[in-house]
Amino acid sequence: MVVWSVYQTFLSPLSSVPGPFWAKFSRIWITYHAYIGDMHRVMMALHNEHGELVRVAPNELSTSSLSAIKTIYGPGSKFRKSDWYSVWQGHRKFDLFAERSESVHSTQRRFVARAYAMESLKDFGPYVDDAIRVLLAQLTALNKHRNSIDLGLWIQLFAFDIIGEITFSKRFGFLDVGADDHDGSSFAQITAAMRSASWIGQYPALFWLHEYLVQPVLGNKLAINMRHGSIRTFAQREIIARADRGSDHADMLDKLNKVHVAKPRQFSSADVASMVTSNIFAGSDTTAISVRSIVFHLLTYPACKARLMAEIDERKGAGELSDPVTFEEASGMPYLQAVIYEALRLHPAIGMNMPRVVPPGDGLTIGQVCVPPGAVVGANAWVTGRDKTVYGEDADEFRPERWMGEDTGDLHRYFFAFGGGARMCIGRNVSWLEMSKLIPTLFQHFDMELVEPDKPLTEVCWWVVPLCNCSGV
């Protein structure tokens, strides 16, 4: 222990990098913050104190260096995902999010990319409209009898139902009953799985020890297995139900099944189920968080809300705005699009670092530090989104106008809310479609305000960072 401590303090290639005292000796520090759920705020504080490079574990760094981020996450990067992701993948062979081999990921992504392309998703516009109408009807009915509404809950129910519509040609029905899975269990299961994976991923060996020794005897004690177990079972049940009832239009499951029929060896029925499970597991939470962030910031900054309303009223008065708003109409609203970018910059759905392994070779030089091959380095969207060299001295403020200037190249280049490069979230277009259609439609129908505008935000970071103080219609 003494020798290890001396090495990590004085002799390690990373010993010169500042950071929390205990982080240099073990992964307990980073595991603790992953467990309690404050990693996004902790990382911002550390980078504000220490600069572009922070040591967060004996062999792991966090960086806010823009040049390093381009190298790590840019096109053609050889930096593979770290073993932290192995816990998310488990035994699944097909997992675009967690797959660590870049060559395998590239092949897998080619199989499914067309199903997630915006041109394909536009076909779902009328069916998204149906869900929006149900949401509006429910909110209107509640508004007649209540002084306030938990809009955050209804946004999540909407996002989850949209995944059902896009994937299976049928909403899950959460909007109709005002709860998830008719018994309130699905959201809790996803949250539990997120939390478990966030901290157990810091010690992947514990997960595999549990898999091979504990679970066969004592049963599932780690909620991460819900992603591979109960949530996957939910997905398979919906696949069977979709096959039994059929559909009058193509959905994402139909598109994925066509790939399976064309390439059954490379893309099996189990792989189809994996993609569908990922849709359910990740698609609802991340989009709901993003929509909540947009609503919250608009209600917190009245001048921004007024400008968006002016854009909506202008388009509506000119007969250029449908109800619900189409994606094409929303895409042509520059202030709306700026609002979306700005809200996701300040409150990206993902709050933890995206760790990558330095590939064999000369290592990675960041400032005066040479990070050796095999070390882990990652960036955090909450940190990069507030970089004043990119977003200006007012980077902590909600100012959508910054996205409407003539030179916004760097703003988009370092916009990290969906990751970057070849590993950018494949569900980005699904989320953008929902946000672009829902936000202007919602503000057309309701004049909203925060019920308790001075109440501190409730945030917790278990990979994703829900925002829990945007109720009010």
Protein backbone atom coordinates (compact mmCIF):
# COMPACT_ATOMS: atom_id res chain seq x y z
CA MET A 1 0.00 0.00 0.00
CA VAL A 2 2.84 2.39 0.85
CA VAL A 3 4.66 1.59 -2.40
CA TRP A 4 1.42 2.07 -4.37
CA SER A 5 0.75 5.42 -2.69
CA VAL A 6 4.28 6.65 -3.36
CA TYR A 7 4.07 5.58 -7.00
CA GLN A 8 0.70 7.26 -7.60
CA THR A 9 1.80 10.44 -5.85
CA PHE A 10 5.28 10.89 -7.33
CA LEU A 11 6.10 8.40 -10.11
CA SER A 12 2.92 7.81 -12.13
CA PRO A 13 2.82 9.49 -15.57
CA LEU A 14 -0.33 11.21 -14.30
CA SER A 15 1.12 12.31 -10.94
CA SER A 16 1.51 15.94 -12.06
CA VAL A 17 -2.18 16.28 -12.91
CA PRO A 18 -4.17 18.00 -10.14
CA GLY A 19 -7.38 16.59 -8.71
CA PRO A 20 -9.05 15.34 -5.53
CA PHE A 21 -6.52 13.93 -3.07
CA TRP A 22 -8.10 10.48 -2.73
CA ALA A 23 -8.69 10.07 -6.47
CA LYS A 24 -5.00 9.36 -7.11
CA PHE A 25 -5.03 6.22 -4.92
CA SER A 26 -8.20 4.34 -5.91
CA ARG A 27 -11.49 4.52 -7.78
CA ILE A 28 -13.44 4.91 -4.56
CA TRP A 29 -13.65 8.71 -4.99
CA ILE A 30 -15.19 8.55 -8.47
CA THR A 31 -17.40 5.61 -7.47
CA TYR A 32 -18.75 7.57 -4.49
CA HIS A 33 -19.78 10.55 -6.62
CA ALA A 34 -21.27 8.27 -9.26
CA TYR A 35 -23.30 6.63 -6.50
CA ILE A 36 -24.62 9.79 -4.83
CA GLY A 37 -25.36 11.41 -8.17
CA ASP A 38 -23.52 14.73 -8.24
CA MET A 39 -20.87 14.01 -10.87
CA HIS A 40 -21.98 16.78 -13.27
CA ARG A 41 -21.60 19.54 -10.68
CA VAL A 42 -18.42 18.06 -9.20
CA MET A 43 -16.74 17.97 -12.62
CA MET A 44 -17.65 21.59 -13.32
CA ALA A 45 -16.21 22.65 -9.96
CA LEU A 46 -13.01 20.67 -10.47
CA HIS A 47 -12.34 22.13 -13.91
CA ASN A 48 -13.09 25.64 -12.64
CA GLU A 49 -10.47 25.07 -9.95
CA HIS A 50 -7.79 23.13 -11.82
CA GLY A 51 -8.20 23.98 -15.50
CA GLU A 52 -8.36 21.76 -18.56
CA LEU A 53 -7.03 18.54 -17.00
CA VAL A 54 -8.15 16.84 -13.77
CA ARG A 55 -7.16 13.46 -12.34
CA VAL A 56 -10.31 11.62 -11.23
CA ALA A 57 -8.86 8.12 -10.62
CA PRO A 58 -5.37 6.54 -10.56
CA ASN A 59 -5.42 5.95 -14.31
CA GLU A 60 -8.21 8.29 -15.46
CA LEU A 61 -8.36 11.96 -16.39
CA SER A 62 -11.12 14.42 -17.19
CA THR A 63 -10.34 17.02 -19.84
CA SER A 64 -11.93 20.19 -21.14
CA SER A 65 -9.19 20.81 -23.71
CA LEU A 66 -10.92 21.55 -26.98
CA SER A 67 -8.05 20.21 -29.09
CA ALA A 68 -7.94 17.01 -27.04
CA ILE A 69 -11.71 16.57 -27.36
CA LYS A 70 -11.42 16.75 -31.15
CA THR A 71 -8.74 14.07 -31.06
CA ILE A 72 -10.60 11.81 -28.62
CA TYR A 73 -14.10 12.00 -30.11
CA GLY A 74 -13.56 13.31 -33.64
CA PRO A 75 -14.02 11.40 -36.91
CA GLY A 76 -11.66 8.46 -37.28
CA SER A 77 -10.80 8.41 -33.59
CA LYS A 78 -8.99 5.30 -32.33
CA PHE A 79 -9.96 5.98 -28.72
CA ARG A 80 -12.25 3.09 -27.78
CA LYS A 81 -14.78 3.21 -24.99
CA SER A 82 -13.48 2.17 -21.60
CA ASP A 83 -14.45 -0.91 -19.60
CA TRP A 84 -17.02 1.24 -17.76
CA TYR A 85 -19.32 0.51 -20.71
CA SER A 86 -18.95 -3.27 -20.35
CA VAL A 87 -21.39 -3.19 -17.44
CA TRP A 88 -24.02 -1.56 -19.66
CA GLN A 89 -23.52 -4.13 -22.39
CA GLY A 90 -23.47 -7.25 -20.25
CA HIS A 91 -23.65 -10.32 -22.49
CA ARG A 92 -25.36 -8.57 -25.38
CA LYS A 93 -23.52 -8.92 -28.67
CA PHE A 94 -25.26 -6.00 -30.34
CA ASP A 95 -25.20 -2.74 -28.38
CA LEU A 96 -24.45 0.51 -30.20
CA PHE A 97 -24.13 2.47 -26.97
CA ALA A 98 -21.80 0.16 -25.05
CA GLU A 99 -19.85 -1.65 -27.78
CA ARG A 100 -16.15 -0.88 -27.21
CA SER A 101 -14.68 -2.15 -30.48
CA GLU A 102 -14.74 0.67 -33.02
CA SER A 103 -14.75 -1.72 -35.97
CA VAL A 104 -17.65 -3.75 -34.55
CA HIS A 105 -19.56 -0.58 -33.71
CA SER A 106 -19.03 0.79 -37.22
CA THR A 107 -20.44 -2.40 -38.76
CA GLN A 108 -23.40 -2.51 -36.39
CA ARG A 109 -24.25 1.14 -36.94
CA ARG A 110 -24.36 0.68 -40.71
CA PHE A 111 -27.05 -1.98 -40.27
CA VAL A 112 -29.45 0.32 -38.43
CA ALA A 113 -28.48 3.87 -39.40
CA ARG A 114 -31.17 4.21 -42.07
CA ALA A 115 -33.95 3.47 -39.58
CA TYR A 116 -32.78 6.40 -37.42
CA ALA A 117 -32.12 8.85 -40.26
CA MET A 118 -34.22 12.00 -40.14
CA GLU A 119 -35.67 11.30 -43.58
CA SER A 120 -37.04 8.01 -42.27
CA LEU A 121 -38.30 9.54 -39.03
CA LYS A 122 -40.24 12.28 -40.80
CA ASP A 123 -42.68 9.59 -41.91
CA PHE A 124 -43.71 9.24 -38.27
CA GLY A 125 -44.81 12.88 -38.04
CA PRO A 126 -48.58 12.20 -38.20
CA TYR A 127 -48.32 9.56 -35.49
CA VAL A 128 -46.30 11.86 -33.24
CA ASP A 129 -49.11 14.38 -33.80
CA ASP A 130 -51.62 11.90 -32.40
CA ALA A 131 -49.62 11.62 -29.17
CA ILE A 132 -49.30 15.40 -28.95
CA ARG A 133 -53.07 15.74 -29.23
CA VAL A 134 -53.58 13.25 -26.41
CA LEU A 135 -51.10 15.17 -24.25
CA LEU A 136 -52.84 18.48 -24.98
CA ALA A 137 -56.24 16.99 -24.16
CA GLN A 138 -54.99 15.60 -20.85
CA LEU A 139 -53.33 18.87 -19.85
CA THR A 140 -56.43 20.86 -20.81
CA ALA A 141 -58.64 18.60 -18.70
CA LEU A 142 -56.30 18.80 -15.71
CA ASN A 143 -55.98 22.56 -16.04
CA LYS A 144 -59.71 22.96 -15.43
CA HIS A 145 -59.47 21.38 -11.99
CA ARG A 146 -55.95 22.13 -10.72
CA ASN A 147 -53.89 25.19 -9.97
CA SER A 148 -50.71 23.43 -11.00
CA ILE A 149 -49.64 20.43 -13.05
CA ASP A 150 -46.50 18.31 -12.83
CA LEU A 151 -45.58 19.01 -16.42
CA GLY A 152 -42.30 17.15 -16.01
CA LEU A 153 -44.19 13.89 -15.44
CA TRP A 154 -46.44 14.42 -18.44
CA ILE A 155 -43.47 15.21 -20.65
CA GLN A 156 -41.87 11.91 -19.66
CA LEU A 157 -45.11 10.01 -20.28
CA PHE A 158 -45.27 11.66 -23.70
CA ALA A 159 -41.66 10.79 -24.55
CA PHE A 160 -42.19 7.17 -23.54
CA ASP A 161 -45.41 6.88 -25.56
CA ILE A 162 -43.64 8.31 -28.61
CA ILE A 163 -41.06 5.53 -28.40
CA GLY A 164 -43.95 3.04 -28.49
CA GLU A 165 -45.51 4.77 -31.48
CA ILE A 166 -42.32 5.09 -33.49
CA THR A 167 -41.05 1.60 -32.66
CA PHE A 168 -44.25 -0.50 -32.50
CA SER A 169 -46.94 1.59 -34.28
CA LYS A 170 -48.75 1.88 -30.95
CA ARG A 171 -48.36 4.12 -27.95
CA PHE A 172 -47.78 2.34 -24.66
CA GLY A 173 -50.85 4.13 -23.27
CA PHE A 174 -49.00 5.97 -20.51
CA LEU A 175 -50.57 9.30 -21.49
CA ASP A 176 -54.05 7.80 -21.30
CA VAL A 177 -53.68 6.62 -17.70
CA GLY A 178 -51.30 9.31 -16.50
CA ALA A 179 -48.74 6.77 -15.28
CA ASP A 180 -46.07 4.46 -16.67
CA ASP A 181 -46.79 0.81 -17.44
CA HIS A 182 -50.16 1.11 -15.66
CA ASP A 183 -48.44 0.43 -12.33
CA GLY A 184 -45.71 3.06 -12.20
CA SER A 185 -42.85 0.58 -12.51
CA SER A 186 -41.08 1.26 -15.81
CA PHE A 187 -39.58 4.65 -14.90
CA ALA A 188 -38.45 3.30 -11.53
CA GLN A 189 -36.77 0.32 -13.18
CA ILE A 190 -34.93 2.50 -15.69
CA THR A 191 -33.79 4.90 -12.95
CA ALA A 192 -32.57 2.02 -10.79
CA ALA A 193 -30.67 0.51 -13.73
CA MET A 194 -29.09 3.88 -14.56
CA ARG A 195 -27.97 4.40 -10.98
CA SER A 196 -26.55 0.90 -10.64
CA ALA A 197 -24.61 1.07 -13.90
CA SER A 198 -23.22 4.52 -13.09
CA TRP A 199 -21.36 3.39 -10.00
CA ILE A 200 -20.82 -0.33 -10.62
CA GLY A 201 -19.23 0.58 -13.97
CA GLN A 202 -16.36 2.12 -12.03
CA TYR A 203 -15.50 -1.42 -10.86
CA PRO A 204 -16.62 -3.69 -13.75
CA ALA A 205 -15.14 -6.75 -12.03
CA LEU A 206 -17.83 -6.47 -9.36
CA PHE A 207 -20.53 -6.76 -11.99
CA TRP A 208 -19.01 -9.88 -13.53
CA LEU A 209 -18.41 -11.40 -10.10
CA HIS A 210 -22.09 -10.83 -9.39
CA GLU A 211 -23.04 -12.36 -12.75
CA TYR A 212 -21.13 -15.59 -12.27
CA LEU A 213 -21.19 -16.13 -8.50
CA VAL A 214 -23.88 -14.12 -6.73
CA GLN A 215 -26.83 -14.05 -9.13
CA PRO A 216 -27.04 -17.83 -9.71
CA VAL A 217 -27.33 -18.34 -5.94
CA LEU A 218 -28.98 -15.25 -4.49
CA GLY A 219 -30.72 -13.85 -7.57
CA ASN A 220 -30.47 -10.42 -9.16
CA LYS A 221 -29.09 -7.96 -6.63
CA LEU A 222 -27.86 -5.35 -9.09
CA ALA A 223 -30.50 -3.23 -10.78
CA ILE A 224 -28.32 -2.90 -13.89
CA ASN A 225 -29.62 -6.34 -14.85
CA MET A 226 -33.02 -4.74 -15.40
CA ARG A 227 -31.65 -3.42 -18.68
CA HIS A 228 -30.76 -6.95 -19.72
CA GLY A 229 -33.72 -8.54 -17.92
CA SER A 230 -37.07 -6.91 -17.15
CA ILE A 231 -36.78 -4.03 -19.64
CA ARG A 232 -35.68 -6.43 -22.37
CA THR A 233 -38.62 -8.69 -21.43
CA PHE A 234 -40.90 -5.68 -21.77
CA ALA A 235 -39.45 -5.02 -25.23
CA GLN A 236 -39.85 -8.63 -26.35
CA ARG A 237 -43.46 -8.61 -25.17
CA GLU A 238 -44.12 -5.55 -27.32
CA ILE A 239 -42.40 -7.19 -30.32
CA ILE A 240 -44.75 -10.17 -30.04
CA ALA A 241 -47.79 -7.92 -29.60
CA ARG A 242 -46.78 -5.91 -32.68
CA ALA A 243 -46.49 -9.11 -34.74
CA ASP A 244 -49.93 -10.29 -33.57
CA ARG A 245 -51.86 -7.09 -34.35
CA GLY A 246 -49.95 -5.94 -37.44
CA SER A 247 -49.86 -2.34 -38.61
CA ASP A 248 -51.07 -0.26 -41.53
CA HIS A 249 -47.73 1.58 -41.76
CA ALA A 250 -44.04 0.86 -41.39
CA ASP A 251 -42.49 1.51 -37.99
CA MET A 252 -38.94 1.22 -36.69
CA LEU A 253 -39.43 -2.43 -35.78
CA ASP A 254 -40.49 -3.08 -39.36
CA LYS A 255 -37.35 -1.36 -40.67
CA LEU A 256 -35.14 -3.35 -38.31
CA ASN A 257 -36.84 -6.63 -39.22
CA LYS A 258 -36.14 -5.94 -42.89
CA VAL A 259 -32.43 -5.67 -42.08
CA HIS A 260 -32.68 -8.96 -40.17
CA VAL A 261 -34.34 -10.69 -43.13
CA ALA A 262 -31.68 -9.35 -45.50
CA LYS A 263 -28.74 -10.15 -43.20
CA PRO A 264 -29.91 -12.81 -40.73
CA ARG A 265 -26.40 -13.88 -39.70
CA GLN A 266 -25.02 -10.42 -39.15
CA PHE A 267 -28.21 -8.97 -37.62
CA SER A 268 -30.16 -11.59 -35.68
CA SER A 269 -33.60 -11.42 -34.10
CA ALA A 270 -31.82 -11.04 -30.76
CA ASP A 271 -30.06 -7.98 -32.20
CA VAL A 272 -33.44 -6.56 -33.21
CA ALA A 273 -34.60 -7.01 -29.61
CA SER A 274 -31.43 -5.30 -28.37
CA MET A 275 -32.05 -2.23 -30.51
CA VAL A 276 -35.68 -2.07 -29.41
CA THR A 277 -34.62 -2.39 -25.77
CA SER A 278 -32.19 0.49 -26.23
CA ASN A 279 -34.99 2.60 -27.70
CA ILE A 280 -37.12 2.02 -24.61
CA PHE A 281 -34.30 2.28 -22.08
CA ALA A 282 -32.67 5.45 -23.38
CA GLY A 283 -35.19 7.08 -25.66
CA SER A 284 -37.70 8.28 -23.11
CA ASP A 285 -35.44 9.60 -20.35
CA THR A 286 -33.04 11.62 -22.48
CA THR A 287 -35.74 13.30 -24.56
CA ALA A 288 -37.89 14.05 -21.50
CA ILE A 289 -34.90 15.65 -19.76
CA SER A 290 -34.20 17.80 -22.81
CA VAL A 291 -37.80 18.98 -23.17
CA ARG A 292 -37.97 19.78 -19.45
CA SER A 293 -34.79 21.82 -19.76
CA ILE A 294 -36.23 23.82 -22.66
CA VAL A 295 -39.48 24.56 -20.82
CA PHE A 296 -37.71 25.40 -17.57
CA HIS A 297 -35.28 27.85 -19.15
CA LEU A 298 -37.99 29.57 -21.17
CA LEU A 299 -40.09 30.04 -18.04
CA THR A 300 -37.06 31.25 -16.08
CA TYR A 301 -36.12 33.83 -18.74
CA PRO A 302 -39.35 35.72 -19.64
CA ALA A 303 -37.69 37.78 -22.38
CA CYS A 304 -36.68 34.58 -24.19
CA LYS A 305 -40.17 33.16 -23.81
CA ALA A 306 -41.61 36.40 -25.21
CA ARG A 307 -39.32 36.26 -28.23
CA LEU A 308 -40.25 32.64 -28.93
CA MET A 309 -43.94 33.51 -28.61
CA ALA A 310 -43.43 36.38 -31.06
CA GLU A 311 -41.91 33.94 -33.56
CA ILE A 312 -44.79 31.51 -33.03
CA ASP A 313 -47.43 34.25 -33.38
CA GLU A 314 -45.78 35.65 -36.49
CA ARG A 315 -45.72 32.26 -38.22
CA LYS A 316 -49.22 31.46 -37.05
CA GLY A 317 -50.56 34.81 -38.27
CA ALA A 318 -49.02 34.21 -41.67
CA GLY A 319 -50.66 30.79 -41.89
CA GLU A 320 -47.26 29.09 -41.75
CA LEU A 321 -47.78 27.10 -38.57
CA SER A 322 -49.83 23.93 -38.22
CA ASP A 323 -51.36 22.53 -35.07
CA PRO A 324 -49.47 20.40 -34.12
CA VAL A 325 -46.44 22.06 -35.67
CA THR A 326 -44.73 20.02 -38.39
CA PHE A 327 -41.03 19.25 -38.21
CA GLU A 328 -40.40 21.20 -41.42
CA GLU A 329 -42.12 24.28 -39.96
CA ALA A 330 -40.20 23.99 -36.70
CA SER A 331 -36.90 23.58 -38.54
CA GLY A 332 -37.59 26.91 -40.25
CA MET A 333 -38.01 28.75 -36.93
CA PRO A 334 -34.50 30.08 -36.14
CA TYR A 335 -35.24 31.25 -32.61
CA LEU A 336 -36.92 27.97 -31.67
CA GLN A 337 -33.91 26.02 -32.89
CA ALA A 338 -31.58 28.37 -31.00
CA VAL A 339 -33.64 27.82 -27.82
CA ILE A 340 -33.28 24.04 -28.18
CA TYR A 341 -29.52 24.23 -28.65
CA GLU A 342 -29.11 26.63 -25.74
CA ALA A 343 -31.20 24.62 -23.29
CA LEU A 344 -29.33 21.42 -24.15
CA ARG A 345 -26.01 23.23 -23.86
CA LEU A 346 -26.79 24.34 -20.29
CA HIS A 347 -28.53 21.14 -19.23
CA PRO A 348 -27.40 18.21 -21.41
CA ALA A 349 -29.12 14.94 -20.60
CA ILE A 350 -25.82 13.15 -19.91
CA GLY A 351 -23.98 14.35 -16.82
CA MET A 352 -21.03 11.96 -16.50
CA ASN A 353 -17.78 11.83 -18.43
CA MET A 354 -17.64 9.73 -21.59
CA PRO A 355 -14.45 7.74 -20.86
CA ARG A 356 -12.14 6.61 -23.64
CA VAL A 357 -8.90 4.59 -23.63
CA VAL A 358 -5.76 6.17 -25.07
CA PRO A 359 -4.75 3.88 -27.98
CA PRO A 360 -1.33 2.26 -28.47
CA GLY A 361 1.31 4.56 -29.85
CA ASP A 362 2.72 7.87 -28.66
CA GLY A 363 -0.05 8.65 -26.19
CA LEU A 364 -2.03 11.88 -26.00
CA THR A 365 -0.45 15.21 -25.16
CA ILE A 366 -2.68 17.68 -23.31
CA GLY A 367 -0.85 20.86 -22.36
CA GLN A 368 2.40 19.76 -20.70
CA VAL A 369 1.11 16.28 -19.84
CA CYS A 370 1.69 13.19 -21.97
CA VAL A 371 -1.12 10.77 -21.24
CA PRO A 372 0.24 7.25 -21.87
CA PRO A 373 -1.47 4.50 -23.89
CA GLY A 374 -3.92 2.54 -21.79
CA ALA A 375 -4.88 5.48 -19.61
CA VAL A 376 -8.51 6.59 -19.62
CA VAL A 377 -9.51 10.13 -20.54
CA GLY A 378 -12.95 11.65 -21.00
CA ALA A 379 -14.89 14.88 -21.35
CA ASN A 380 -18.12 16.04 -19.76
CA ALA A 381 -20.86 17.89 -21.67
CA TRP A 382 -21.69 19.98 -18.60
CA VAL A 383 -18.11 21.25 -18.59
CA THR A 384 -17.63 21.78 -22.33
CA GLY A 385 -21.01 23.49 -22.64
CA ARG A 386 -19.83 26.27 -20.33
CA ASP A 387 -16.45 26.86 -21.93
CA LYS A 388 -16.12 30.63 -22.10
CA THR A 389 -13.55 30.49 -24.91
CA VAL A 390 -16.29 28.99 -27.08
CA TYR A 391 -19.56 30.34 -25.69
CA GLY A 392 -18.42 33.70 -24.34
CA GLU A 393 -18.09 35.27 -20.91
CA ASP A 394 -21.83 34.80 -20.34
CA ALA A 395 -21.59 31.04 -20.92
CA ASP A 396 -23.49 30.37 -17.67
CA GLU A 397 -26.49 32.39 -18.90
CA PHE A 398 -29.38 31.23 -21.07
CA ARG A 399 -29.02 33.34 -24.22
CA PRO A 400 -30.34 31.59 -27.35
CA GLU A 401 -29.24 34.52 -29.51
CA ARG A 402 -25.66 33.25 -29.33
CA TRP A 403 -26.68 30.51 -31.82
CA MET A 404 -28.02 33.03 -34.34
CA GLY A 405 -24.82 34.89 -35.22
CA GLU A 406 -22.92 34.56 -38.45
CA ASP A 407 -20.06 32.53 -37.01
CA THR A 408 -21.45 29.67 -34.94
CA GLY A 409 -19.10 26.96 -36.20
CA ASP A 410 -17.30 26.41 -32.91
CA LEU A 411 -20.57 26.52 -30.97
CA HIS A 412 -21.87 23.58 -32.98
CA ARG A 413 -18.48 21.87 -33.16
CA TYR A 414 -18.22 21.67 -29.36
CA PHE A 415 -21.91 21.05 -28.73
CA PHE A 416 -21.59 17.78 -26.87
CA ALA A 417 -25.13 17.05 -25.67
CA PHE A 418 -25.38 13.95 -27.89
CA GLY A 419 -21.73 12.97 -27.80
CA GLY A 420 -19.53 13.43 -30.81
CA GLY A 421 -17.98 11.86 -33.88
CA ALA A 422 -18.81 8.32 -34.92
CA ARG A 423 -20.22 7.56 -31.46
CA MET A 424 -22.77 10.36 -31.49
CA CYS A 425 -26.10 9.14 -30.12
CA ILE A 426 -28.02 7.41 -32.90
CA GLY A 427 -31.29 8.53 -31.29
CA ARG A 428 -30.46 12.24 -31.72
CA ASN A 429 -32.89 12.64 -34.60
CA VAL A 430 -35.74 11.01 -32.68
CA SER A 431 -35.20 13.47 -29.84
CA TRP A 432 -34.86 16.47 -32.14
CA LEU A 433 -38.06 15.54 -33.97
CA GLU A 434 -40.02 15.38 -30.71
CA MET A 435 -38.57 18.60 -29.30
CA SER A 436 -39.08 20.58 -32.49
CA LYS A 437 -42.72 19.57 -32.78
CA LEU A 438 -43.77 19.60 -29.11
CA ILE A 439 -42.29 22.86 -27.82
CA PRO A 440 -43.98 25.33 -30.23
CA THR A 441 -47.23 23.37 -30.09
CA LEU A 442 -47.22 23.38 -26.30
CA PHE A 443 -46.58 27.12 -26.11
CA GLN A 444 -49.32 27.77 -28.67
CA HIS A 445 -51.87 26.19 -26.36
CA PHE A 446 -50.77 27.16 -22.84
CA ASP A 447 -49.42 30.22 -21.07
CA MET A 448 -47.14 28.54 -18.55
CA GLU A 449 -45.23 29.73 -15.51
CA LEU A 450 -43.28 28.06 -12.74
CA VAL A 451 -45.34 27.45 -9.63
CA GLU A 452 -42.34 27.98 -7.35
CA PRO A 453 -39.81 29.98 -9.39
CA ASP A 454 -37.49 30.49 -6.41
CA LYS A 455 -37.37 26.83 -5.43
CA PRO A 456 -33.89 25.33 -5.93
CA LEU A 457 -33.60 22.78 -8.70
CA THR A 458 -33.55 19.12 -7.82
CA GLU A 459 -30.90 17.35 -9.87
CA VAL A 460 -29.37 13.93 -9.62
CA CYS A 461 -26.82 12.49 -12.03
CA TRP A 462 -26.99 8.77 -12.60
CA TRP A 463 -25.59 8.97 -16.12
CA VAL A 464 -28.60 11.11 -17.11
CA VAL A 465 -29.55 14.26 -15.17
CA PRO A 466 -33.31 14.73 -14.68
CA LEU A 467 -34.48 18.27 -13.98
CA CYS A 468 -37.33 18.33 -11.51
CA ASN A 469 -38.74 21.83 -11.09
CA CYS A 470 -40.47 22.74 -14.33
CA SER A 471 -44.10 22.09 -13.42
CA GLY A 472 -46.76 24.67 -14.17
CA VAL A 473 -49.39 25.20 -16.83
